[in-house]
Amino acid sequence: MRRVSCLLFVLAVSVNVVAQQPVEQEVTTIKTETVVVDSGVDLTGPQWLMNDAVPLDTCTVDLRLRTYWETSGFPANNGDSDDDFLAEPALYWGFAEDWELWIRNQAWLGDAGNRTAFQDGNYDTWLGVMWRFADQNGFWPAMALQVEGRFPTGDGSSGMDGEVRLNMTNDYDSGIRSHVNVFAKCVDGNNSENVELDDDNFLEVFEEFGLTPDDSLEDRDTQYGLVLGLDGPLGDSGNLRWVADYMNRSSYFTGRSNMNVLELGLEWKMSDESKLAIGGRAGLDDEEDTLNFGFGATYSYTIRYGS
C-alpha cells in the first residue's frame, strides 16, 4: 500500500511539473495591403467625342497630331455642301498627380481655310485642364472634372468659349471600361457670321434650313450634352482596343433640334512611346447642320522625364 501511495505521489508531481512547462506555439502573421488597381489605359484626346477620367502619368508629355475629315449637309461659303479637313496639333502634360494640362490648335484646311459656320474659329487655341478628384470605389466610378476654353487666336473668330465637363469611368475585370460624360458649354463668339451668302445662294441656303430671309442663324449661347461610351481589349496583349461612344447634344444654332452622333474606332499601342487612334463618326439625324460622316486619326508620342 505504501508503495502504491508513493507511486501515485510521484506521478502527480510529474504531471504538475509537465503542465507548468511553457509550450512553444507557431504564430502566423498575416499582412494586409491596399492595392489601387489601374489599367493604365488612357484614351487619346482629342480623337474621341468622349474622354475618360484617367489623367496622364506624372512627369509625362504627349505630343499628338490629329487629322480629321468630315462631310456635312451644311452649305459652306460657296453655298454648296462642302467637306472639311482639320489638322490639330496638341500637347498634353501630366504635371502633377491626378492632374493633366493641354493646349491644342485647330486648323481647318478646306477651301483655302474656309470652314462651315458651326465650327469654331480657324487656328483658334484651346487650353484645358483635368483633375481626377475620386478614384473608383466598388461600383462608384472614377471621376474627373475637365475645364477647357477657346481663345480667338485665329482667323475669322470672335469672343471666347468655355466648356465644363464631368468625366466618369468604371474599370471592370474583363478589361472593358464604361464612360459617362456630361458637359455644358458657353459660346461667346458668333462664328456664323463667317458664312458669306450672296444674292444667288441666299434663298437657297435658307430654304434648306426651312428658314425665311427674316430668320437668322444665331449661335446658341449655351450648349450642353451627354456622351456614353465603352472601350475594351482586342486580344490578350491589350495593345489593341476598340472604342465606341454615342453623343446627344444641343445644336449649334438656336431653334434647331438636338444632334445625335455615333462613333466607332480603334486604339493601337505600337510601343511604350507611340500610339495610334483611328475612328469614324456618323450623324444619326436628318438635319442640315449636323455631320453626315467623318473620319479621323491621331498619332501620339510620349516623352517621360524625371525619376
Protein backbone atom coordinates (compact mmCIF):
# COMPACT_ATOMS: atom_id res chain seq x y z
CA MET A 1 0.00 0.00 0.00
CA ARG A 2 2.83 2.31 0.90
CA ARG A 3 4.45 1.62 -2.48
CA VAL A 4 1.25 2.38 -4.31
CA SER A 5 0.89 5.67 -2.41
CA CYS A 6 4.45 6.66 -3.23
CA LEU A 7 3.90 5.82 -6.89
CA LEU A 8 0.73 7.93 -7.07
CA PHE A 9 2.53 10.82 -5.37
CA VAL A 10 5.44 10.73 -7.84
CA LEU A 11 3.00 10.54 -10.81
CA ALA A 12 1.04 13.56 -9.58
CA VAL A 13 4.19 15.63 -9.10
CA SER A 14 5.41 14.71 -12.59
CA VAL A 15 2.12 15.71 -14.22
CA ASN A 16 2.12 19.03 -12.37
CA VAL A 17 5.69 19.81 -13.47
CA VAL A 18 4.95 18.99 -17.11
CA ALA A 19 1.80 21.12 -17.05
CA GLN A 20 3.77 24.14 -15.87
CA GLN A 21 6.36 23.91 -18.69
CA PRO A 22 5.96 26.66 -21.39
CA VAL A 23 4.63 25.41 -24.72
CA GLU A 24 6.09 26.93 -27.86
CA GLN A 25 3.42 27.88 -30.40
CA GLU A 26 3.89 28.82 -34.06
CA VAL A 27 2.32 32.22 -34.75
CA THR A 28 1.37 33.12 -38.30
CA THR A 29 1.27 36.86 -39.09
CA ILE A 30 -0.94 37.96 -41.97
CA LYS A 31 -0.17 41.33 -43.54
CA THR A 32 -2.84 43.18 -45.48
CA GLU A 33 -2.07 45.70 -48.18
CA THR A 34 -4.41 48.03 -50.04
CA VAL A 35 -3.78 47.94 -53.77
CA VAL A 36 -5.10 50.58 -56.12
CA VAL A 37 -5.88 48.88 -59.42
CA ASP A 38 -5.28 51.00 -62.51
CA SER A 39 -5.49 49.57 -66.01
CA GLY A 40 -3.09 52.21 -67.34
CA VAL A 41 -5.41 52.87 -70.29
CA ASP A 42 -5.83 56.50 -71.27
CA LEU A 43 -7.97 57.50 -74.23
CA THR A 44 -6.20 59.60 -76.84
CA GLY A 45 -7.70 63.06 -76.83
CA PRO A 46 -8.91 64.92 -78.79
CA GLN A 47 -9.68 61.97 -81.08
CA TRP A 48 -12.91 60.90 -79.42
CA LEU A 49 -16.22 62.54 -78.59
CA MET A 50 -15.78 61.27 -75.01
CA ASN A 51 -12.96 61.45 -72.50
CA ASP A 52 -12.09 59.10 -69.64
CA ALA A 53 -11.28 60.03 -66.04
CA VAL A 54 -7.63 58.95 -66.39
CA PRO A 55 -5.05 61.77 -66.50
CA LEU A 56 -1.56 61.30 -67.87
CA ASP A 57 1.07 59.89 -65.54
CA THR A 58 3.12 62.47 -63.65
CA CYS A 59 6.23 63.70 -65.49
CA THR A 60 4.77 62.64 -68.85
CA VAL A 61 4.31 64.73 -72.00
CA ASP A 62 2.33 63.58 -75.03
CA LEU A 63 2.85 65.17 -78.45
CA ARG A 64 -0.23 64.49 -80.55
CA LEU A 65 -1.29 65.22 -84.11
CA ARG A 66 -4.88 64.71 -85.17
CA THR A 67 -6.14 64.77 -88.75
CA TYR A 68 -9.85 64.74 -89.45
CA TRP A 69 -12.19 64.85 -92.44
CA GLU A 70 -15.94 65.24 -92.40
CA THR A 71 -18.76 65.88 -94.84
CA SER A 72 -21.94 67.62 -93.83
CA GLY A 73 -25.07 68.97 -95.38
CA PHE A 74 -24.34 72.49 -94.21
CA PRO A 75 -23.61 74.84 -97.11
CA ALA A 76 -20.20 76.47 -96.84
CA ASN A 77 -19.11 79.82 -98.21
CA ASN A 78 -19.84 78.84 -101.80
CA GLY A 79 -23.42 77.88 -100.99
CA ASP A 80 -22.89 74.15 -101.60
CA SER A 81 -22.39 71.27 -99.23
CA ASP A 82 -18.69 71.04 -98.53
CA ASP A 83 -16.13 68.72 -96.96
CA ASP A 84 -13.99 69.93 -94.09
CA PHE A 85 -10.38 68.98 -93.33
CA LEU A 86 -8.74 69.52 -89.96
CA ALA A 87 -5.14 69.33 -88.74
CA GLU A 88 -4.87 69.67 -84.97
CA PRO A 89 -1.51 69.54 -83.16
CA ALA A 90 -1.74 69.22 -79.37
CA LEU A 91 0.47 68.91 -76.31
CA TYR A 92 -0.75 67.04 -73.21
CA TRP A 93 1.17 67.21 -69.90
CA GLY A 94 0.80 65.23 -66.70
CA PHE A 95 2.26 67.94 -64.49
CA ALA A 96 1.13 66.57 -61.11
CA GLU A 97 -0.55 63.51 -59.66
CA ASP A 98 -4.18 63.32 -60.86
CA TRP A 99 -3.73 66.49 -62.97
CA GLU A 100 -3.47 66.92 -66.74
CA LEU A 101 -2.95 70.09 -68.77
CA TRP A 102 -3.17 70.53 -72.55
CA ILE A 103 -3.02 73.04 -75.38
CA ARG A 104 -4.24 72.41 -78.92
CA ASN A 105 -4.73 74.39 -82.11
CA GLN A 106 -7.41 73.74 -84.73
CA ALA A 107 -6.55 74.43 -88.36
CA TRP A 108 -9.37 73.89 -90.86
CA LEU A 109 -7.74 73.36 -94.24
CA GLY A 110 -10.63 73.06 -96.68
CA ASP A 111 -11.16 75.59 -99.46
CA ALA A 112 -8.19 77.81 -98.59
CA GLY A 113 -9.05 77.81 -94.91
CA ASN A 114 -12.80 78.30 -95.12
CA ARG A 115 -14.95 76.31 -92.72
CA THR A 116 -18.63 75.78 -92.13
CA ALA A 117 -20.40 78.14 -89.81
CA PHE A 118 -20.84 75.80 -86.88
CA GLN A 119 -17.09 75.26 -86.50
CA ASP A 120 -15.12 77.46 -84.15
CA GLY A 121 -12.64 79.98 -85.49
CA ASN A 122 -9.85 78.75 -87.73
CA TYR A 123 -6.44 78.47 -85.99
CA ASP A 124 -8.00 79.16 -82.62
CA THR A 125 -6.20 77.90 -79.50
CA TRP A 126 -7.76 75.65 -76.87
CA LEU A 127 -6.41 75.40 -73.31
CA GLY A 128 -7.69 72.71 -70.96
CA VAL A 129 -7.09 71.11 -67.58
CA MET A 130 -8.44 67.92 -65.97
CA TRP A 131 -8.41 66.95 -62.29
CA ARG A 132 -9.28 63.44 -61.11
CA PHE A 133 -10.81 64.01 -57.70
CA ALA A 134 -12.12 60.49 -57.00
CA ASP A 135 -10.78 57.01 -57.69
CA GLN A 136 -13.04 54.09 -58.50
CA ASN A 137 -14.53 52.55 -55.35
CA GLY A 138 -16.60 49.44 -55.98
CA PHE A 139 -19.44 50.37 -58.29
CA TRP A 140 -18.72 54.08 -57.88
CA PRO A 141 -16.74 55.29 -60.92
CA ALA A 142 -13.55 57.29 -61.01
CA MET A 143 -14.48 60.94 -61.56
CA ALA A 144 -12.61 63.86 -63.09
CA LEU A 145 -13.53 67.49 -63.70
CA GLN A 146 -12.44 68.96 -67.02
CA VAL A 147 -12.40 72.65 -67.98
CA GLU A 148 -11.46 73.91 -71.45
CA GLY A 149 -11.50 77.33 -73.09
CA ARG A 150 -11.19 78.61 -76.67
CA PHE A 151 -9.10 81.71 -77.30
CA PRO A 152 -9.60 83.63 -80.59
CA THR A 153 -6.03 83.49 -81.87
CA GLY A 154 -7.07 82.57 -85.39
CA ASP A 155 -8.76 83.97 -88.46
CA GLY A 156 -12.43 84.93 -88.50
CA SER A 157 -13.09 84.18 -84.83
CA SER A 158 -14.63 86.27 -82.11
CA GLY A 159 -15.17 86.07 -78.37
CA MET A 160 -14.17 83.20 -76.11
CA ASP A 161 -15.89 79.85 -75.47
CA GLY A 162 -15.71 77.77 -72.32
CA GLU A 163 -16.70 74.19 -71.51
CA VAL A 164 -17.05 72.32 -68.21
CA ARG A 165 -17.24 68.52 -68.34
CA LEU A 166 -17.61 65.77 -65.74
CA ASN A 167 -15.91 62.51 -66.79
CA MET A 168 -16.85 59.22 -65.09
CA THR A 169 -15.09 55.91 -65.79
CA ASN A 170 -15.66 52.37 -64.50
CA ASP A 171 -12.97 49.70 -64.99
CA TYR A 172 -14.11 46.04 -64.99
CA ASP A 173 -12.21 42.77 -64.50
CA SER A 174 -12.74 41.86 -68.15
CA GLY A 175 -10.70 44.89 -69.25
CA ILE A 176 -13.78 46.68 -70.57
CA ARG A 177 -14.38 50.22 -69.34
CA SER A 178 -17.58 52.28 -69.37
CA HIS A 179 -17.70 56.07 -69.56
CA VAL A 180 -20.26 58.79 -68.94
CA ASN A 181 -19.55 62.43 -69.80
CA VAL A 182 -21.86 65.36 -69.15
CA PHE A 183 -20.88 68.82 -70.35
CA ALA A 184 -22.07 72.40 -70.66
CA LYS A 185 -20.57 74.99 -72.98
CA CYS A 186 -20.84 78.77 -73.10
CA VAL A 187 -20.37 80.22 -76.60
CA ASP A 188 -19.43 83.89 -76.73
CA GLY A 189 -18.36 84.03 -80.37
CA ASN A 190 -20.62 84.48 -83.37
CA ASN A 191 -18.90 82.37 -85.98
CA SER A 192 -21.98 82.00 -88.14
CA GLU A 193 -21.20 85.48 -89.48
CA ASN A 194 -18.31 83.86 -91.37
CA VAL A 195 -20.74 82.30 -93.85
CA GLU A 196 -20.75 84.65 -96.82
CA LEU A 197 -24.01 84.42 -98.73
CA ASP A 198 -24.50 86.36 -101.95
CA ASP A 199 -27.82 87.09 -103.67
CA ASP A 200 -27.62 83.92 -105.77
CA ASN A 201 -27.45 81.40 -102.95
CA PHE A 202 -29.07 83.30 -100.06
CA LEU A 203 -32.60 81.98 -100.55
CA GLU A 204 -31.36 78.50 -101.45
CA VAL A 205 -29.41 78.18 -98.21
CA PHE A 206 -32.24 79.40 -96.02
CA GLU A 207 -34.74 77.14 -97.76
CA GLU A 208 -32.52 74.14 -96.99
CA PHE A 209 -32.79 75.07 -93.32
CA GLY A 210 -36.51 75.69 -93.51
CA LEU A 211 -35.99 79.39 -92.82
CA THR A 212 -37.12 82.63 -94.38
CA PRO A 213 -34.94 85.70 -95.11
CA ASP A 214 -36.37 87.27 -91.94
CA ASP A 215 -34.89 84.46 -89.81
CA SER A 216 -31.28 84.21 -88.69
CA LEU A 217 -28.73 81.53 -87.89
CA GLU A 218 -27.70 82.65 -84.43
CA ASP A 219 -25.23 80.66 -82.38
CA ARG A 220 -26.75 79.02 -79.32
CA ASP A 221 -25.11 80.81 -76.40
CA THR A 222 -25.44 77.85 -74.02
CA GLN A 223 -24.87 74.32 -75.30
CA TYR A 224 -24.93 71.04 -73.41
CA GLY A 225 -24.70 67.33 -74.00
CA LEU A 226 -24.24 63.76 -72.81
CA VAL A 227 -21.75 61.15 -74.05
CA LEU A 228 -21.97 57.41 -73.28
CA GLY A 229 -19.10 55.14 -74.23
CA LEU A 230 -17.26 51.84 -73.90
CA ASP A 231 -13.77 50.61 -74.72
CA GLY A 232 -12.18 47.20 -74.33
CA PRO A 233 -9.26 44.98 -75.34
CA LEU A 234 -8.89 43.02 -78.56
CA GLY A 235 -6.61 40.06 -77.87
CA ASP A 236 -4.62 39.05 -74.80
CA SER A 237 -1.82 41.59 -75.11
CA GLY A 238 -4.11 44.59 -74.53
CA ASN A 239 -2.19 46.66 -77.08
CA LEU A 240 -5.24 46.94 -79.33
CA ARG A 241 -8.54 48.27 -78.02
CA TRP A 242 -11.94 49.01 -79.55
CA VAL A 243 -13.79 52.23 -78.75
CA ALA A 244 -17.50 53.05 -79.14
CA ASP A 245 -19.44 56.09 -77.99
CA TYR A 246 -22.71 57.93 -78.56
CA MET A 247 -23.32 61.65 -78.11
CA ASN A 248 -26.55 63.59 -77.72
CA ARG A 249 -26.03 67.34 -77.61
CA SER A 250 -27.81 70.58 -78.31
CA SER A 251 -27.47 72.07 -81.76
CA TYR A 252 -25.05 74.84 -82.67
CA PHE A 253 -27.89 77.21 -83.61
CA THR A 254 -30.98 78.41 -81.80
CA GLY A 255 -34.25 76.81 -82.83
CA ARG A 256 -32.63 73.58 -84.05
CA SER A 257 -33.19 70.12 -82.57
CA ASN A 258 -30.61 68.13 -80.63
CA MET A 259 -27.93 66.23 -82.54
CA ASN A 260 -27.11 62.52 -82.20
CA VAL A 261 -23.73 61.14 -83.28
CA LEU A 262 -22.32 57.60 -83.16
CA GLU A 263 -18.58 56.93 -83.15
CA LEU A 264 -16.55 53.70 -83.56
CA GLY A 265 -12.80 53.20 -83.64
CA LEU A 266 -9.58 51.54 -82.50
CA GLU A 267 -6.57 52.46 -80.39
CA TRP A 268 -3.26 50.69 -81.07
CA LYS A 269 -0.33 50.91 -78.66
CA MET A 270 2.54 50.36 -81.07
CA SER A 271 5.27 50.75 -78.42
CA ASP A 272 5.80 52.29 -74.99
CA GLU A 273 6.13 55.68 -76.69
CA SER A 274 3.83 55.52 -79.72
CA LYS A 275 0.07 55.10 -80.01
CA LEU A 276 -2.32 55.45 -82.94
CA ALA A 277 -6.07 56.07 -82.70
CA ILE A 278 -8.43 55.88 -85.68
CA GLY A 279 -12.19 56.30 -85.74
CA GLY A 280 -15.25 57.19 -87.76
CA ARG A 281 -18.37 59.22 -86.89
CA ALA A 282 -21.87 59.18 -88.34
CA GLY A 283 -24.71 61.60 -87.74
CA LEU A 284 -28.00 59.90 -86.85
CA ASP A 285 -30.24 62.87 -87.70
CA ASP A 286 -31.63 64.18 -90.95
CA GLU A 287 -30.56 67.74 -90.19
CA GLU A 288 -28.55 70.13 -92.33
CA ASP A 289 -26.35 71.41 -89.51
CA THR A 290 -25.04 68.05 -88.31
CA LEU A 291 -22.33 65.95 -89.92
CA ASN A 292 -23.18 63.13 -92.30
CA PHE A 293 -19.93 61.24 -91.84
CA GLY A 294 -16.43 61.88 -90.51
CA PHE A 295 -13.16 60.00 -90.16
CA GLY A 296 -10.02 60.86 -88.23
CA ALA A 297 -6.70 59.58 -86.91
CA THR A 298 -4.45 60.74 -84.07
CA TYR A 299 -0.81 59.83 -83.54
CA SER A 300 0.63 60.24 -80.05
CA TYR A 301 4.29 60.20 -78.99
CA THR A 302 5.08 60.02 -75.27
CA ILE A 303 8.08 61.64 -73.55
CA ARG A 304 8.86 60.77 -69.91
CA TYR A 305 11.19 62.84 -67.75
CA GLY A 306 12.38 62.89 -64.15
CA SER A 307 12.89 59.89 -61.91
